[in-house]
Amino acid sequence: KFRLDLAHMKQAGTVGGGEVGHTPRVSSIDLDAKQPKATVTDCID
């Protein structure tokens, strides 16, 4: 997904600038699973 965004930006001739605010928190985590997993919920500003 990030690479696709970057390709679109390059094709459009744009770059990003400034700052993106965010406040991430772990909203779920399972360390006992065979493949430990976690979910992060973030507020992007």
PDB file of all heavy atoms in Angstrom:
ATOM      1  N   LYS A   1       0.831  -1.205   0.000  1.00  0.00           N
ATOM      2  CA  LYS A   1       0.000   0.000   0.000  1.00  0.00           C
ATOM      3  C   LYS A   1       0.866   1.256   0.000  1.00  0.00           C
ATOM      4  O   LYS A   1       0.581   2.220  -0.714  1.00  0.00           O
ATOM      5  CB  LYS A   1      -0.945  -0.003   1.205  1.00  0.00           C
ATOM      6  CG  LYS A   1      -2.057  -1.022   1.084  1.00  0.00           C
ATOM      7  CD  LYS A   1      -2.903  -1.081   2.340  1.00  0.00           C
ATOM      8  CE  LYS A   1      -3.966  -2.155   2.232  1.00  0.00           C
ATOM      9  NZ  LYS A   1      -4.785  -2.255   3.450  1.00  0.00           N
ATOM     10  N   PHE A   2       1.940   1.257   0.783  1.00  0.00           N
ATOM     11  CA  PHE A   2       2.831   2.418   0.814  1.00  0.00           C
ATOM     12  C   PHE A   2       3.505   2.608  -0.546  1.00  0.00           C
ATOM     13  O   PHE A   2       3.605   3.728  -1.043  1.00  0.00           O
ATOM     14  CB  PHE A   2       3.880   2.281   1.907  1.00  0.00           C
ATOM     15  CG  PHE A   2       3.311   2.227   3.300  1.00  0.00           C
ATOM     16  CD1 PHE A   2       3.885   1.423   4.258  1.00  0.00           C
ATOM     17  CD2 PHE A   2       2.197   2.980   3.652  1.00  0.00           C
ATOM     18  CE1 PHE A   2       3.371   1.364   5.546  1.00  0.00           C
ATOM     19  CE2 PHE A   2       1.669   2.928   4.934  1.00  0.00           C
ATOM     20  CZ  PHE A   2       2.262   2.109   5.885  1.00  0.00           C
ATOM     21  N   ARG A   3       3.950   1.518  -1.139  1.00  0.00           N
ATOM     22  CA  ARG A   3       4.602   1.621  -2.456  1.00  0.00           C
ATOM     23  C   ARG A   3       3.632   2.126  -3.528  1.00  0.00           C
ATOM     24  O   ARG A   3       4.019   2.889  -4.406  1.00  0.00           O
ATOM     25  CB  ARG A   3       5.208   0.279  -2.852  1.00  0.00           C
ATOM     26  CG  ARG A   3       6.460  -0.033  -2.062  1.00  0.00           C
ATOM     27  CD  ARG A   3       7.093  -1.326  -2.494  1.00  0.00           C
ATOM     28  NE  ARG A   3       8.380  -1.517  -1.829  1.00  0.00           N
ATOM     29  CZ  ARG A   3       8.926  -2.688  -1.590  1.00  0.00           C
ATOM     30  NH1 ARG A   3       8.303  -3.800  -1.970  1.00  0.00           N
ATOM     31  NH2 ARG A   3      10.087  -2.760  -0.983  1.00  0.00           N
ATOM     32  N   LEU A   4       2.379   1.710  -3.447  1.00  0.00           N
ATOM     33  CA  LEU A   4       1.372   2.196  -4.386  1.00  0.00           C
ATOM     34  C   LEU A   4       1.151   3.698  -4.203  1.00  0.00           C
ATOM     35  O   LEU A   4       1.087   4.447  -5.177  1.00  0.00           O
ATOM     36  CB  LEU A   4       0.062   1.426  -4.209  1.00  0.00           C
ATOM     37  CG  LEU A   4      -1.057   1.757  -5.186  1.00  0.00           C
ATOM     38  CD1 LEU A   4      -0.634   1.490  -6.626  1.00  0.00           C
ATOM     39  CD2 LEU A   4      -2.305   0.945  -4.847  1.00  0.00           C
ATOM     40  N   ASP A   5       1.043   4.154  -2.956  1.00  0.00           N
ATOM     41  CA  ASP A   5       0.922   5.589  -2.683  1.00  0.00           C
ATOM     42  C   ASP A   5       2.107   6.352  -3.265  1.00  0.00           C
ATOM     43  O   ASP A   5       1.941   7.404  -3.890  1.00  0.00           O
ATOM     44  CB  ASP A   5       0.891   5.862  -1.170  1.00  0.00           C
ATOM     45  CG  ASP A   5      -0.463   5.649  -0.539  1.00  0.00           C
ATOM     46  OD1 ASP A   5      -1.448   5.443  -1.274  1.00  0.00           O
ATOM     47  OD2 ASP A   5      -0.531   5.694   0.703  1.00  0.00           O
ATOM     48  N   LEU A   6       3.302   5.827  -3.061  1.00  0.00           N
ATOM     49  CA  LEU A   6       4.510   6.488  -3.558  1.00  0.00           C
ATOM     50  C   LEU A   6       4.518   6.552  -5.083  1.00  0.00           C
ATOM     51  O   LEU A   6       4.908   7.571  -5.669  1.00  0.00           O
ATOM     52  CB  LEU A   6       5.758   5.777  -3.039  1.00  0.00           C
ATOM     53  CG  LEU A   6       5.983   5.898  -1.530  1.00  0.00           C
ATOM     54  CD1 LEU A   6       7.030   4.895  -1.069  1.00  0.00           C
ATOM     55  CD2 LEU A   6       6.368   7.315  -1.144  1.00  0.00           C
ATOM     56  N   ALA A   7       4.066   5.488  -5.730  1.00  0.00           N
ATOM     57  CA  ALA A   7       4.000   5.475  -7.197  1.00  0.00           C
ATOM     58  C   ALA A   7       3.018   6.529  -7.703  1.00  0.00           C
ATOM     59  O   ALA A   7       3.296   7.231  -8.680  1.00  0.00           O
ATOM     60  CB  ALA A   7       3.607   4.084  -7.703  1.00  0.00           C
ATOM     61  N   HIS A   8       1.872   6.664  -7.022  1.00  0.00           N
ATOM     62  CA  HIS A   8       0.885   7.687  -7.396  1.00  0.00           C
ATOM     63  C   HIS A   8       1.469   9.088  -7.211  1.00  0.00           C
ATOM     64  O   HIS A   8       1.265   9.967  -8.055  1.00  0.00           O
ATOM     65  CB  HIS A   8      -0.407   7.548  -6.583  1.00  0.00           C
ATOM     66  CG  HIS A   8      -1.232   6.371  -6.953  1.00  0.00           C
ATOM     67  ND1 HIS A   8      -1.983   6.299  -8.109  1.00  0.00           N
ATOM     68  CD2 HIS A   8      -1.431   5.187  -6.318  1.00  0.00           C
ATOM     69  CE1 HIS A   8      -2.610   5.133  -8.169  1.00  0.00           C
ATOM     70  NE2 HIS A   8      -2.286   4.438  -7.092  1.00  0.00           N
ATOM     71  N   MET A   9       2.190   9.286  -6.127  1.00  0.00           N
ATOM     72  CA  MET A   9       2.810  10.585  -5.877  1.00  0.00           C
ATOM     73  C   MET A   9       3.839  10.909  -6.958  1.00  0.00           C
ATOM     74  O   MET A   9       3.864  12.018  -7.489  1.00  0.00           O
ATOM     75  CB  MET A   9       3.482  10.600  -4.498  1.00  0.00           C
ATOM     76  CG  MET A   9       2.517  10.595  -3.339  1.00  0.00           C
ATOM     77  SD  MET A   9       3.342  10.397  -1.737  1.00  0.00           S
ATOM     78  CE  MET A   9       4.097  12.020  -1.572  1.00  0.00           C
ATOM     79  N   LYS A  10       4.671   9.921  -7.273  1.00  0.00           N
ATOM     80  CA  LYS A  10       5.696  10.138  -8.289  1.00  0.00           C
ATOM     81  C   LYS A  10       5.061  10.453  -9.637  1.00  0.00           C
ATOM     82  O   LYS A  10       5.481  11.374 -10.335  1.00  0.00           O
ATOM     83  CB  LYS A  10       6.598   8.903  -8.388  1.00  0.00           C
ATOM     84  CG  LYS A  10       7.822   9.125  -9.270  1.00  0.00           C
ATOM     85  CD  LYS A  10       8.773   7.963  -9.192  1.00  0.00           C
ATOM     86  CE  LYS A  10       9.645   8.184  -7.987  1.00  0.00           C
ATOM     87  NZ  LYS A  10      10.792   7.300  -7.921  1.00  0.00           N
ATOM     88  N   GLN A  11       4.015   9.711  -9.991  1.00  0.00           N
ATOM     89  CA  GLN A  11       3.314   9.931 -11.260  1.00  0.00           C
ATOM     90  C   GLN A  11       2.682  11.333 -11.304  1.00  0.00           C
ATOM     91  O   GLN A  11       2.693  11.989 -12.337  1.00  0.00           O
ATOM     92  CB  GLN A  11       2.250   8.861 -11.461  1.00  0.00           C
ATOM     93  CG  GLN A  11       1.528   8.975 -12.791  1.00  0.00           C
ATOM     94  CD  GLN A  11       0.504   7.857 -12.966  1.00  0.00           C
ATOM     95  OE1 GLN A  11       0.163   7.143 -12.039  1.00  0.00           O
ATOM     96  NE2 GLN A  11       0.017   7.706 -14.179  1.00  0.00           N
ATOM     97  N   ALA A  12       2.170  11.792 -10.169  1.00  0.00           N
ATOM     98  CA  ALA A  12       1.541  13.105 -10.098  1.00  0.00           C
ATOM     99  C   ALA A  12       2.566  14.233  -9.956  1.00  0.00           C
ATOM    100  O   ALA A  12       2.212  15.409 -10.040  1.00  0.00           O
ATOM    101  CB  ALA A  12       0.560  13.156  -8.930  1.00  0.00           C
ATOM    102  N   GLY A  13       3.830  13.870  -9.716  1.00  0.00           N
ATOM    103  CA  GLY A  13       4.860  14.889  -9.548  1.00  0.00           C
ATOM    104  C   GLY A  13       4.760  15.632  -8.230  1.00  0.00           C
ATOM    105  O   GLY A  13       5.065  16.816  -8.155  1.00  0.00           O
ATOM    106  N   THR A  14       4.334  14.919  -7.174  1.00  0.00           N
ATOM    107  CA  THR A  14       4.181  15.548  -5.864  1.00  0.00           C
ATOM    108  C   THR A  14       5.048  14.853  -4.824  1.00  0.00           C
ATOM    109  O   THR A  14       5.434  13.686  -4.981  1.00  0.00           O
ATOM    110  CB  THR A  14       2.718  15.508  -5.383  1.00  0.00           C
ATOM    111  OG1 THR A  14       2.299  14.140  -5.261  1.00  0.00           O
ATOM    112  CG2 THR A  14       1.798  16.255  -6.320  1.00  0.00           C
ATOM    113  N   VAL A  15       5.337  15.584  -3.777  1.00  0.00           N
ATOM    114  CA  VAL A  15       5.997  15.034  -2.600  1.00  0.00           C
ATOM    115  C   VAL A  15       5.238  15.538  -1.383  1.00  0.00           C
ATOM    116  O   VAL A  15       4.514  16.527  -1.455  1.00  0.00           O
ATOM    117  CB  VAL A  15       7.489  15.446  -2.502  1.00  0.00           C
ATOM    118  CG1 VAL A  15       8.299  14.825  -3.622  1.00  0.00           C
ATOM    119  CG2 VAL A  15       7.658  16.949  -2.477  1.00  0.00           C
ATOM    120  N   GLY A  16       5.420  14.859  -0.275  1.00  0.00           N
ATOM    121  CA  GLY A  16       4.779  15.280   0.957  1.00  0.00           C
ATOM    122  C   GLY A  16       5.707  16.164   1.758  1.00  0.00           C
ATOM    123  O   GLY A  16       6.919  16.152   1.574  1.00  0.00           O
ATOM    124  N   GLY A  17       5.117  16.937   2.641  1.00  0.00           N
ATOM    125  CA  GLY A  17       5.904  17.800   3.501  1.00  0.00           C
ATOM    126  C   GLY A  17       5.138  18.158   4.749  1.00  0.00           C
ATOM    127  O   GLY A  17       3.962  17.858   4.876  1.00  0.00           O
ATOM    128  N   GLY A  18       5.816  18.798   5.661  1.00  0.00           N
ATOM    129  CA  GLY A  18       5.182  19.125   6.928  1.00  0.00           C
ATOM    130  C   GLY A  18       5.209  17.922   7.852  1.00  0.00           C
ATOM    131  O   GLY A  18       6.031  17.025   7.689  1.00  0.00           O
ATOM    132  N   GLU A  19       4.331  17.920   8.781  1.00  0.00           N
ATOM    133  CA  GLU A  19       4.279  16.850   9.774  1.00  0.00           C
ATOM    134  C   GLU A  19       2.901  16.210   9.821  1.00  0.00           C
ATOM    135  O   GLU A  19       1.895  16.888   9.669  1.00  0.00           O
ATOM    136  CB  GLU A  19       4.614  17.396  11.167  1.00  0.00           C
ATOM    137  CG  GLU A  19       6.020  17.955  11.289  1.00  0.00           C
ATOM    138  CD  GLU A  19       7.102  16.918  11.052  1.00  0.00           C
ATOM    139  OE1 GLU A  19       6.925  15.759  11.466  1.00  0.00           O
ATOM    140  OE2 GLU A  19       8.124  17.279  10.438  1.00  0.00           O
ATOM    141  N   VAL A  20       2.884  14.911  10.043  1.00  0.00           N
ATOM    142  CA  VAL A  20       1.647  14.177  10.286  1.00  0.00           C
ATOM    143  C   VAL A  20       1.628  13.843  11.769  1.00  0.00           C
ATOM    144  O   VAL A  20       2.555  13.204  12.273  1.00  0.00           O
ATOM    145  CB  VAL A  20       1.570  12.883   9.449  1.00  0.00           C
ATOM    146  CG1 VAL A  20       0.341  12.074   9.840  1.00  0.00           C
ATOM    147  CG2 VAL A  20       1.558  13.197   7.976  1.00  0.00           C
ATOM    148  N   GLY A  21       0.603  14.308  12.443  1.00  0.00           N
ATOM    149  CA  GLY A  21       0.462  13.961  13.849  1.00  0.00           C
ATOM    150  C   GLY A  21      -0.212  12.609  13.986  1.00  0.00           C
ATOM    151  O   GLY A  21      -0.989  12.206  13.122  1.00  0.00           O
ATOM    152  N   HIS A  22       0.130  11.910  15.034  1.00  0.00           N
ATOM    153  CA  HIS A  22      -0.571  10.658  15.300  1.00  0.00           C
ATOM    154  C   HIS A  22      -0.445  10.280  16.758  1.00  0.00           C
ATOM    155  O   HIS A  22       0.487  10.688  17.441  1.00  0.00           O
ATOM    156  CB  HIS A  22      -0.139   9.540  14.345  1.00  0.00           C
ATOM    157  CG  HIS A  22       1.297   9.162  14.407  1.00  0.00           C
ATOM    158  ND1 HIS A  22       1.748   8.047  15.027  1.00  0.00           N
ATOM    159  CD2 HIS A  22       2.398   9.764  13.901  1.00  0.00           C
ATOM    160  CE1 HIS A  22       3.060   7.956  14.912  1.00  0.00           C
ATOM    161  NE2 HIS A  22       3.475   8.989  14.235  1.00  0.00           N
ATOM    162  N   THR A  23      -1.442   9.531  17.209  1.00  0.00           N
ATOM    163  CA  THR A  23      -1.490   9.085  18.597  1.00  0.00           C
ATOM    164  C   THR A  23      -1.812   7.589  18.613  1.00  0.00           C
ATOM    165  O   THR A  23      -2.947   7.198  18.859  1.00  0.00           O
ATOM    166  CB  THR A  23      -2.542   9.880  19.403  1.00  0.00           C
ATOM    167  OG1 THR A  23      -3.778   9.843  18.688  1.00  0.00           O
ATOM    168  CG2 THR A  23      -2.126  11.318  19.616  1.00  0.00           C
ATOM    169  N   PRO A  24      -0.816   6.756  18.322  1.00  0.00           N
ATOM    170  CA  PRO A  24      -1.067   5.317  18.254  1.00  0.00           C
ATOM    171  C   PRO A  24      -1.219   4.687  19.640  1.00  0.00           C
ATOM    172  O   PRO A  24      -0.631   5.149  20.618  1.00  0.00           O
ATOM    173  CB  PRO A  24       0.192   4.787  17.566  1.00  0.00           C
ATOM    174  CG  PRO A  24       1.263   5.745  17.958  1.00  0.00           C
ATOM    175  CD  PRO A  24       0.587   7.084  18.041  1.00  0.00           C
ATOM    176  N   ARG A  25      -2.031   3.646  19.662  1.00  0.00           N
ATOM    177  CA  ARG A  25      -2.171   2.831  20.880  1.00  0.00           C
ATOM    178  C   ARG A  25      -2.415   1.394  20.455  1.00  0.00           C
ATOM    179  O   ARG A  25      -3.017   1.137  19.405  1.00  0.00           O
ATOM    180  CB  ARG A  25      -3.294   3.347  21.774  1.00  0.00           C
ATOM    181  CG  ARG A  25      -4.667   3.204  21.182  1.00  0.00           C
ATOM    182  CD  ARG A  25      -5.767   3.689  22.128  1.00  0.00           C
ATOM    183  NE  ARG A  25      -7.065   3.617  21.493  1.00  0.00           N
ATOM    184  CZ  ARG A  25      -7.788   2.517  21.332  1.00  0.00           C
ATOM    185  NH1 ARG A  25      -7.345   1.369  21.781  1.00  0.00           N
ATOM    186  NH2 ARG A  25      -8.965   2.557  20.731  1.00  0.00           N
ATOM    187  N   VAL A  26      -1.917   0.471  21.242  1.00  0.00           N
ATOM    188  CA  VAL A  26      -2.169  -0.943  20.976  1.00  0.00           C
ATOM    189  C   VAL A  26      -3.598  -1.222  21.416  1.00  0.00           C
ATOM    190  O   VAL A  26      -3.936  -1.076  22.591  1.00  0.00           O
ATOM    191  CB  VAL A  26      -1.167  -1.846  21.724  1.00  0.00           C
ATOM    192  CG1 VAL A  26      -1.509  -3.316  21.515  1.00  0.00           C
ATOM    193  CG2 VAL A  26       0.257  -1.557  21.270  1.00  0.00           C
ATOM    194  N   SER A  27      -4.448  -1.587  20.464  1.00  0.00           N
ATOM    195  CA  SER A  27      -5.856  -1.824  20.787  1.00  0.00           C
ATOM    196  C   SER A  27      -6.165  -3.296  21.024  1.00  0.00           C
ATOM    197  O   SER A  27      -7.185  -3.621  21.615  1.00  0.00           O
ATOM    198  CB  SER A  27      -6.765  -1.247  19.694  1.00  0.00           C
ATOM    199  OG  SER A  27      -6.354  -1.649  18.429  1.00  0.00           O
ATOM    200  N   SER A  28      -5.289  -4.176  20.552  1.00  0.00           N
ATOM    201  CA  SER A  28      -5.412  -5.602  20.885  1.00  0.00           C
ATOM    202  C   SER A  28      -4.062  -6.270  20.681  1.00  0.00           C
ATOM    203  O   SER A  28      -3.255  -5.824  19.864  1.00  0.00           O
ATOM    204  CB  SER A  28      -6.490  -6.293  20.040  1.00  0.00           C
ATOM    205  OG  SER A  28      -6.069  -6.431  18.706  1.00  0.00           O
ATOM    206  N   ILE A  29      -3.849  -7.325  21.449  1.00  0.00           N
ATOM    207  CA  ILE A  29      -2.600  -8.069  21.318  1.00  0.00           C
ATOM    208  C   ILE A  29      -2.845  -9.500  21.771  1.00  0.00           C
ATOM    209  O   ILE A  29      -3.590  -9.737  22.722  1.00  0.00           O
ATOM    210  CB  ILE A  29      -1.463  -7.402  22.135  1.00  0.00           C
ATOM    211  CG1 ILE A  29      -0.109  -8.008  21.768  1.00  0.00           C
ATOM    212  CG2 ILE A  29      -1.747  -7.431  23.616  1.00  0.00           C
ATOM    213  CD1 ILE A  29       1.075  -7.171  22.194  1.00  0.00           C
ATOM    214  N   ASP A  30      -2.266 -10.439  21.048  1.00  0.00           N
ATOM    215  CA  ASP A  30      -2.365 -11.852  21.403  1.00  0.00           C
ATOM    216  C   ASP A  30      -0.967 -12.451  21.319  1.00  0.00           C
ATOM    217  O   ASP A  30      -0.490 -12.817  20.247  1.00  0.00           O
ATOM    218  CB  ASP A  30      -3.317 -12.585  20.456  1.00  0.00           C
ATOM    219  CG  ASP A  30      -3.524 -14.041  20.841  1.00  0.00           C
ATOM    220  OD1 ASP A  30      -2.858 -14.521  21.797  1.00  0.00           O
ATOM    221  OD2 ASP A  30      -4.339 -14.717  20.178  1.00  0.00           O
ATOM    222  N   LEU A  31      -0.311 -12.512  22.470  1.00  0.00           N
ATOM    223  CA  LEU A  31       1.051 -13.045  22.522  1.00  0.00           C
ATOM    224  C   LEU A  31       1.079 -14.561  22.641  1.00  0.00           C
ATOM    225  O   LEU A  31       2.134 -15.169  22.469  1.00  0.00           O
ATOM    226  CB  LEU A  31       1.810 -12.416  23.699  1.00  0.00           C
ATOM    227  CG  LEU A  31       1.993 -10.912  23.627  1.00  0.00           C
ATOM    228  CD1 LEU A  31       2.638 -10.394  24.906  1.00  0.00           C
ATOM    229  CD2 LEU A  31       2.813 -10.529  22.405  1.00  0.00           C
ATOM    230  N   ASP A  32      -0.080 -15.172  22.931  1.00  0.00           N
ATOM    231  CA  ASP A  32      -0.141 -16.625  23.111  1.00  0.00           C
ATOM    232  C   ASP A  32      -0.423 -17.371  21.813  1.00  0.00           C
ATOM    233  O   ASP A  32      -0.321 -18.597  21.769  1.00  0.00           O
ATOM    234  CB  ASP A  32      -1.203 -16.985  24.153  1.00  0.00           C
ATOM    235  CG  ASP A  32      -0.839 -16.454  25.537  1.00  0.00           C
ATOM    236  OD1 ASP A  32       0.361 -16.442  25.871  1.00  0.00           O
ATOM    237  OD2 ASP A  32      -1.767 -16.036  26.260  1.00  0.00           O
ATOM    238  N   ALA A  33      -0.784 -16.667  20.766  1.00  0.00           N
ATOM    239  CA  ALA A  33      -1.073 -17.308  19.477  1.00  0.00           C
ATOM    240  C   ALA A  33       0.202 -17.903  18.899  1.00  0.00           C
ATOM    241  O   ALA A  33       1.316 -17.467  19.222  1.00  0.00           O
ATOM    242  CB  ALA A  33      -1.655 -16.282  18.504  1.00  0.00           C
ATOM    243  N   LYS A  34       0.043 -18.897  18.031  1.00  0.00           N
ATOM    244  CA  LYS A  34       1.201 -19.486  17.358  1.00  0.00           C
ATOM    245  C   LYS A  34       1.990 -18.397  16.631  1.00  0.00           C
ATOM    246  O   LYS A  34       3.208 -18.382  16.639  1.00  0.00           O
ATOM    247  CB  LYS A  34       0.726 -20.556  16.372  1.00  0.00           C
ATOM    248  CG  LYS A  34       1.849 -21.290  15.692  1.00  0.00           C
ATOM    249  CD  LYS A  34       1.321 -22.405  14.819  1.00  0.00           C
ATOM    250  CE  LYS A  34       2.485 -23.136  14.164  1.00  0.00           C
ATOM    251  NZ  LYS A  34       2.030 -24.216  13.311  1.00  0.00           N
ATOM    252  N   GLN A  35       1.271 -17.481  16.002  1.00  0.00           N
ATOM    253  CA  GLN A  35       1.857 -16.288  15.365  1.00  0.00           C
ATOM    254  C   GLN A  35       1.352 -15.088  16.156  1.00  0.00           C
ATOM    255  O   GLN A  35       0.231 -14.637  15.933  1.00  0.00           O
ATOM    256  CB  GLN A  35       1.396 -16.199  13.900  1.00  0.00           C
ATOM    257  CG  GLN A  35       1.880 -14.970  13.169  1.00  0.00           C
ATOM    258  CD  GLN A  35       3.297 -15.136  12.700  1.00  0.00           C
ATOM    259  OE1 GLN A  35       3.609 -16.087  12.005  1.00  0.00           O
ATOM    260  NE2 GLN A  35       4.159 -14.236  13.097  1.00  0.00           N
ATOM    261  N   PRO A  36       2.129 -14.570  17.123  1.00  0.00           N
ATOM    262  CA  PRO A  36       1.646 -13.429  17.912  1.00  0.00           C
ATOM    263  C   PRO A  36       1.229 -12.274  17.009  1.00  0.00           C
ATOM    264  O   PRO A  36       1.879 -11.983  16.002  1.00  0.00           O
ATOM    265  CB  PRO A  36       2.853 -13.062  18.773  1.00  0.00           C
ATOM    266  CG  PRO A  36       3.613 -14.349  18.905  1.00  0.00           C
ATOM    267  CD  PRO A  36       3.454 -15.012  17.562  1.00  0.00           C
ATOM    268  N   LYS A  37       0.111 -11.646  17.392  1.00  0.00           N
ATOM    269  CA  LYS A  37      -0.475 -10.573  16.579  1.00  0.00           C
ATOM    270  C   LYS A  37      -0.850  -9.402  17.475  1.00  0.00           C
ATOM    271  O   LYS A  37      -1.120  -9.591  18.655  1.00  0.00           O
ATOM    272  CB  LYS A  37      -1.740 -11.058  15.874  1.00  0.00           C
ATOM    273  CG  LYS A  37      -1.530 -12.197  14.906  1.00  0.00           C
ATOM    274  CD  LYS A  37      -2.859 -12.649  14.326  1.00  0.00           C
ATOM    275  CE  LYS A  37      -2.752 -13.889  13.489  1.00  0.00           C
ATOM    276  NZ  LYS A  37      -1.998 -13.802  12.294  1.00  0.00           N
ATOM    277  N   ALA A  38      -0.876  -8.231  16.861  1.00  0.00           N
ATOM    278  CA  ALA A  38      -1.322  -7.043  17.577  1.00  0.00           C
ATOM    279  C   ALA A  38      -1.996  -6.102  16.587  1.00  0.00           C
ATOM    280  O   ALA A  38      -1.735  -6.155  15.386  1.00  0.00           O
ATOM    281  CB  ALA A  38      -0.145  -6.344  18.246  1.00  0.00           C
ATOM    282  N   THR A  39      -2.864  -5.259  17.108  1.00  0.00           N
ATOM    283  CA  THR A  39      -3.519  -4.229  16.317  1.00  0.00           C
ATOM    284  C   THR A  39      -3.211  -2.884  16.956  1.00  0.00           C
ATOM    285  O   THR A  39      -3.320  -2.735  18.175  1.00  0.00           O
ATOM    286  CB  THR A  39      -5.041  -4.448  16.276  1.00  0.00           C
ATOM    287  OG1 THR A  39      -5.311  -5.730  15.714  1.00  0.00           O
ATOM    288  CG2 THR A  39      -5.735  -3.380  15.445  1.00  0.00           C
ATOM    289  N   VAL A  40      -2.828  -1.933  16.112  1.00  0.00           N
ATOM    290  CA  VAL A  40      -2.583  -0.569  16.561  1.00  0.00           C
ATOM    291  C   VAL A  40      -3.685   0.306  15.964  1.00  0.00           C
ATOM    292  O   VAL A  40      -3.944   0.246  14.763  1.00  0.00           O
ATOM    293  CB  VAL A  40      -1.199  -0.055  16.104  1.00  0.00           C
ATOM    294  CG1 VAL A  40      -1.021   1.417  16.448  1.00  0.00           C
ATOM    295  CG2 VAL A  40      -0.089  -0.898  16.717  1.00  0.00           C
ATOM    296  N   THR A  41      -4.325   1.088  16.807  1.00  0.00           N
ATOM    297  CA  THR A  41      -5.304   2.076  16.350  1.00  0.00           C
ATOM    298  C   THR A  41      -4.654   3.441  16.515  1.00  0.00           C
ATOM    299  O   THR A  41      -4.107   3.747  17.574  1.00  0.00           O
ATOM    300  CB  THR A  41      -6.597   1.981  17.176  1.00  0.00           C
ATOM    301  OG1 THR A  41      -7.127   0.655  17.043  1.00  0.00           O
ATOM    302  CG2 THR A  41      -7.632   2.984  16.686  1.00  0.00           C
ATOM    303  N   ASP A  42      -4.697   4.232  15.456  1.00  0.00           N
ATOM    304  CA  ASP A  42      -4.013   5.514  15.458  1.00  0.00           C
ATOM    305  C   ASP A  42      -4.967   6.612  14.996  1.00  0.00           C
ATOM    306  O   ASP A  42      -5.824   6.375  14.140  1.00  0.00           O
ATOM    307  CB  ASP A  42      -2.811   5.445  14.510  1.00  0.00           C
ATOM    308  CG  ASP A  42      -1.792   6.545  14.731  1.00  0.00           C
ATOM    309  OD1 ASP A  42      -2.052   7.462  15.526  1.00  0.00           O
ATOM    310  OD2 ASP A  42      -0.728   6.481  14.091  1.00  0.00           O
ATOM    311  N   CYS A  43      -4.809   7.794  15.557  1.00  0.00           N
ATOM    312  CA  CYS A  43      -5.540   8.966  15.087  1.00  0.00           C
ATOM    313  C   CYS A  43      -4.551   9.784  14.262  1.00  0.00           C
ATOM    314  O   CYS A  43      -3.596  10.353  14.803  1.00  0.00           O
ATOM    315  CB  CYS A  43      -6.074   9.782  16.253  1.00  0.00           C
ATOM    316  SG  CYS A  43      -6.957  11.268  15.685  1.00  0.00           S
ATOM    317  N   ILE A  44      -4.751   9.804  12.965  1.00  0.00           N
ATOM    318  CA  ILE A  44      -3.880  10.522  12.043  1.00  0.00           C
ATOM    319  C   ILE A  44      -4.367  11.968  11.948  1.00  0.00           C
ATOM    320  O   ILE A  44      -5.547  12.209  11.713  1.00  0.00           O
ATOM    321  CB  ILE A  44      -3.897   9.869  10.647  1.00  0.00           C
ATOM    322  CG1 ILE A  44      -3.574   8.375  10.736  1.00  0.00           C
ATOM    323  CG2 ILE A  44      -2.969  10.605   9.693  1.00  0.00           C
ATOM    324  CD1 ILE A  44      -2.220   8.048  11.322  1.00  0.00           C
ATOM    325  N   ASP A  45      -3.446  12.911  12.101  1.00  0.00           N
ATOM    326  CA  ASP A  45      -3.787  14.328  12.057  1.00  0.00           C
ATOM    327  C   ASP A  45      -3.005  14.996  10.924  1.00  0.00           C
ATOM    328  O   ASP A  45      -1.780  15.126  10.989  1.00  0.00           O
ATOM    329  CB  ASP A  45      -3.456  14.987  13.393  1.00  0.00           C
ATOM    330  CG  ASP A  45      -3.880  16.443  13.467  1.00  0.00           C
ATOM    331  OD1 ASP A  45      -4.233  17.038  12.419  1.00  0.00           O
ATOM    332  OD2 ASP A  45      -3.844  16.994  14.579  1.00  0.00           O
TER     333      ASP A  45
END
